[in-house]
Structure formats: C-alpha cells, structure tokens
Amino acid sequence: MAQISVDSLMGNNGPSYPEQIAAPFRKELTDNGFTQLLTAEEVDKALSVTDGKVKMVVLNSVCGCGARVARPGALLSLFGKVVPDEKLTLFAGMEKDAVALFRSKYLPGITPSSPTISLFKDGELVFILHRYQIERSAAGDIADALIQEYNKICTKENDDAAVEALRQYFIATYDVDPLSLEQQQQ
C-alpha cells in the first residue's frame, strides 16, 4: 500500500505524493525522450545555458488536466516538422527544491500553477501555457499552440525515427495513430 511521508503531512519539503502515484506520470514523458530534472542544480544547469537551444519544460502534475491534456498535448506537439532541441520535465509536489528554483528564477512574477508547459531560449522564457489554459483545452489544441511556437523559434528538424517511436507509443498507449488522424483532417 502506498504511504505518505510525515514530511508531506507536515507541509515540509518532502514529496506530496507517494512515488508510486507519480511514477507512471513521470514515465509517460521520460519514455518519450524527456530528461527529468530532480534537483535545483539540475534545473539551473539545464536552463541557465546560453547556447541558442530551445528547451521545452513540462512542469508535470498528478491532476486530471495533466493526464488528459498536458502530457498528451506536449507529446502530440512532437509530431511537427521542427521541435525543441531539448525536452525537460520536473514534477510539482515531488522535487520541491527543484520546482521552487524553477518557479522563482525562471518564471519570476508568474503565479505558480501546474501543470505548465513552457519554452525557453538562452535561459529566457519565450512561451508558456498555464494550467488555466491547459485545463480548458483538448490535447490537440495544446499541441497546435506549441507547434505554432516551434515554427517561430525552433530550428531542430524532427527525425523520422523519433516520429515513428512516438507514433508507436500512441498506438500502444491510446490505441490511436496520430498520423492517420492528421491525414484525415487534411
């Protein structure tokens, strides 16, 4: 049986959820090429670099809109012609120091919410989808919004192997082929 830590019950820095609850939600992204940021140091190392790369950061969450919209929408966006150079994720309520640094240093002045999907270039926020935008959208709408941004700021061309691996994930997980849906809409 899953157990909650005393730190979590006391409102301390411990995880808010048992890892058994968060694990499948982490896996959905890490199995599809996202690098997990578990510490404040990892967040800083990934986002403070001024290398011209576009980095997508999914601030993951256990909530329904994370499962129904945010994670599937972020993944669907990766079927576009251009994609972010790096895909990163951290988990709200779990790695609290990492999330606190991310919010205070890289999203200053922005009301904390999760999930969020943001794009950074040279350590600067260039685009963000907040929870209130995510929760009232469909996954396809999130993907479309991200693809529009990718087309403006990304230069990394998607590769066939990555698209096919992601396609197979969608077929196995959701019993749907996103590429056939795209062809039906055209």
Protein backbone atom coordinates (compact mmCIF):
# COMPACT_ATOMS: atom_id res chain seq x y z
CA MET A 1 0.00 0.00 0.00
CA ALA A 2 1.25 3.49 -0.85
CA GLN A 3 2.33 5.56 2.12
CA ILE A 4 2.64 9.29 2.57
CA SER A 5 5.65 10.61 4.45
CA VAL A 6 5.44 12.58 7.69
CA ASP A 7 7.24 15.47 5.94
CA SER A 8 4.47 15.59 3.39
CA LEU A 9 1.75 15.61 6.05
CA MET A 10 3.54 18.35 7.98
CA GLY A 11 3.89 20.55 4.89
CA ASN A 12 7.66 20.21 4.81
CA ASN A 13 9.89 19.73 1.80
CA GLY A 14 9.13 16.04 1.39
CA PRO A 15 7.12 14.80 -1.57
CA SER A 16 3.39 15.47 -1.51
CA TYR A 17 2.60 12.10 -3.07
CA PRO A 18 3.97 8.58 -2.79
CA GLU A 19 6.37 7.87 -5.66
CA GLN A 20 4.09 5.01 -6.76
CA ILE A 21 1.49 7.61 -7.70
CA ALA A 22 3.89 9.91 -9.56
CA ALA A 23 5.91 7.19 -11.31
CA PRO A 24 3.56 6.44 -14.24
CA PHE A 25 3.14 10.16 -14.94
CA ARG A 26 6.91 10.63 -14.98
CA LYS A 27 7.32 7.59 -17.22
CA GLU A 28 4.91 8.96 -19.81
CA LEU A 29 7.38 11.76 -20.51
CA THR A 30 10.73 10.11 -19.79
CA ASP A 31 9.87 7.14 -22.01
CA ASN A 32 9.40 9.67 -24.81
CA GLY A 33 12.72 11.47 -24.58
CA PHE A 34 12.21 13.95 -21.75
CA THR A 35 15.05 14.48 -19.29
CA GLN A 36 13.90 14.61 -15.70
CA LEU A 37 15.21 17.45 -13.54
CA LEU A 38 15.27 16.26 -9.94
CA THR A 39 17.35 18.91 -8.18
CA ALA A 40 17.68 22.68 -8.19
CA GLU A 41 21.21 22.22 -9.54
CA GLU A 42 19.91 20.20 -12.49
CA VAL A 43 17.31 22.89 -13.25
CA ASP A 44 19.97 25.61 -13.21
CA LYS A 45 22.40 23.57 -15.29
CA ALA A 46 19.75 22.89 -17.94
CA LEU A 47 18.20 26.34 -18.18
CA SER A 48 21.00 28.81 -17.43
CA VAL A 49 22.97 27.89 -20.54
CA THR A 50 23.04 30.44 -23.35
CA ASP A 51 23.56 28.04 -26.22
CA GLY A 52 20.78 29.14 -28.58
CA LYS A 53 18.82 25.95 -27.98
CA VAL A 54 15.08 25.90 -27.44
CA LYS A 55 14.09 23.90 -24.37
CA MET A 56 10.59 22.74 -23.58
CA VAL A 57 9.85 22.27 -19.89
CA VAL A 58 6.78 20.34 -18.77
CA LEU A 59 6.03 21.02 -15.12
CA ASN A 60 4.28 17.72 -14.52
CA SER A 61 1.35 17.14 -12.19
CA VAL A 62 -0.83 14.32 -10.89
CA CYS A 63 -4.02 16.22 -11.70
CA GLY A 64 -6.58 15.22 -14.30
CA CYS A 65 -5.67 18.00 -16.73
CA GLY A 66 -2.07 16.77 -16.63
CA ALA A 67 -3.19 13.30 -17.65
CA ARG A 68 -5.97 14.30 -20.04
CA VAL A 69 -4.39 17.30 -21.75
CA ALA A 70 -0.89 18.46 -20.75
CA ARG A 71 1.22 15.33 -21.22
CA PRO A 72 -0.63 14.06 -24.32
CA GLY A 73 -0.62 17.58 -25.81
CA ALA A 74 3.10 18.02 -25.21
CA LEU A 75 3.77 14.65 -26.82
CA LEU A 76 1.46 15.32 -29.78
CA SER A 77 3.35 18.56 -30.43
CA LEU A 78 6.44 16.48 -31.17
CA PHE A 79 4.95 15.28 -34.47
CA GLY A 80 5.67 18.69 -36.06
CA LYS A 81 8.35 19.43 -38.63
CA VAL A 82 10.52 21.28 -36.11
CA VAL A 83 10.83 20.52 -32.40
CA PRO A 84 12.62 21.89 -29.33
CA ASP A 85 16.28 20.98 -29.01
CA GLU A 86 15.71 19.61 -25.52
CA LYS A 87 12.69 18.25 -23.67
CA LEU A 88 12.80 18.61 -19.90
CA THR A 89 10.41 17.82 -17.09
CA LEU A 90 10.08 18.29 -13.37
CA PHE A 91 7.27 17.27 -11.06
CA ALA A 92 5.22 19.67 -8.94
CA GLY A 93 4.71 18.36 -5.42
CA MET A 94 7.61 15.93 -5.65
CA GLU A 95 11.02 17.59 -6.16
CA LYS A 96 10.07 20.71 -4.25
CA ASP A 97 13.50 22.39 -4.23
CA ALA A 98 13.85 21.96 -8.00
CA VAL A 99 10.34 23.28 -8.62
CA ALA A 100 10.84 26.21 -6.22
CA LEU A 101 14.00 27.28 -8.05
CA PHE A 102 12.34 26.81 -11.44
CA ARG A 103 9.41 28.98 -10.46
CA SER A 104 11.39 31.70 -8.67
CA LYS A 105 14.32 32.03 -11.08
CA TYR A 106 12.87 31.07 -14.46
CA LEU A 107 9.21 32.07 -14.03
CA PRO A 108 9.55 35.18 -11.83
CA GLY A 109 6.34 37.08 -11.26
CA ILE A 110 4.24 34.29 -12.76
CA THR A 111 1.60 32.80 -10.49
CA PRO A 112 2.65 29.23 -9.64
CA SER A 113 0.48 26.59 -11.25
CA SER A 114 0.83 23.07 -12.51
CA PRO A 115 0.85 21.65 -14.98
CA THR A 116 2.55 24.20 -17.19
CA ILE A 117 4.35 23.82 -20.48
CA SER A 118 6.99 26.42 -21.22
CA LEU A 119 9.60 27.15 -23.85
CA PHE A 120 12.96 28.72 -23.04
CA LYS A 121 15.76 30.03 -25.19
CA ASP A 122 19.06 31.12 -23.66
CA GLY A 123 17.56 30.89 -20.18
CA GLU A 124 14.70 33.23 -21.06
CA LEU A 125 11.04 32.30 -21.07
CA VAL A 126 9.63 32.76 -24.58
CA PHE A 127 6.27 31.00 -24.24
CA ILE A 128 4.13 29.43 -21.53
CA LEU A 129 0.86 27.57 -21.27
CA HIS A 130 -0.60 27.92 -17.78
CA ARG A 131 -2.87 25.45 -16.03
CA TYR A 132 -5.94 27.61 -16.71
CA GLN A 133 -5.17 27.43 -20.44
CA ILE A 134 -4.44 23.71 -20.33
CA GLU A 135 -7.44 22.59 -18.28
CA ARG A 136 -9.98 24.12 -20.66
CA SER A 137 -8.34 22.79 -23.82
CA ALA A 138 -8.05 19.49 -25.65
CA ALA A 139 -4.68 17.79 -26.11
CA GLY A 140 -4.79 18.60 -29.83
CA ASP A 141 -5.28 22.30 -29.06
CA ILE A 142 -2.24 22.27 -26.78
CA ALA A 143 -0.21 20.53 -29.48
CA ASP A 144 -1.33 23.08 -32.08
CA ALA A 145 -0.38 26.02 -29.84
CA LEU A 146 3.05 24.51 -29.19
CA ILE A 147 3.64 23.68 -32.86
CA GLN A 148 2.84 27.30 -33.78
CA GLU A 149 5.53 28.43 -31.34
CA TYR A 150 8.00 25.80 -32.54
CA ASN A 151 7.53 27.06 -36.09
CA LYS A 152 8.52 30.55 -34.91
CA ILE A 153 11.54 29.75 -32.74
CA CYS A 154 12.80 26.18 -33.31
CA THR A 155 15.36 25.14 -35.90
CA LYS A 156 15.84 21.47 -35.00
CA GLU A 157 14.19 19.33 -37.65
CA ASN A 158 12.24 16.35 -36.44
CA ASP A 159 13.61 12.98 -37.48
CA ASP A 160 11.68 10.01 -38.84
CA ALA A 161 12.90 7.60 -36.15
CA ALA A 162 11.68 9.86 -33.33
CA VAL A 163 8.31 10.36 -35.03
CA GLU A 164 7.88 6.62 -35.56
CA ALA A 165 8.81 5.80 -31.95
CA LEU A 166 6.31 8.36 -30.69
CA ARG A 167 3.69 7.05 -33.11
CA GLN A 168 4.16 3.52 -31.77
CA TYR A 169 3.81 4.86 -28.22
CA PHE A 170 0.47 6.47 -29.07
CA ILE A 171 -0.78 3.32 -30.77
CA ALA A 172 0.22 1.13 -27.80
CA THR A 173 -0.96 3.55 -25.11
CA TYR A 174 -4.03 5.24 -26.57
CA ASP A 175 -4.97 2.81 -29.35
CA VAL A 176 -4.84 5.66 -31.86
CA ASP A 177 -2.48 6.54 -34.68
CA PRO A 178 -1.92 10.31 -34.57
CA LEU A 179 -0.54 10.30 -38.10
CA SER A 180 -3.70 8.77 -39.53
CA LEU A 181 -5.79 11.35 -37.64
CA GLU A 182 -3.66 14.12 -39.15
CA GLN A 183 -4.21 12.74 -42.65
CA GLN A 184 -8.00 12.54 -42.07
CA GLN A 185 -8.08 16.23 -41.13
CA GLN A 186 -6.32 17.33 -44.33
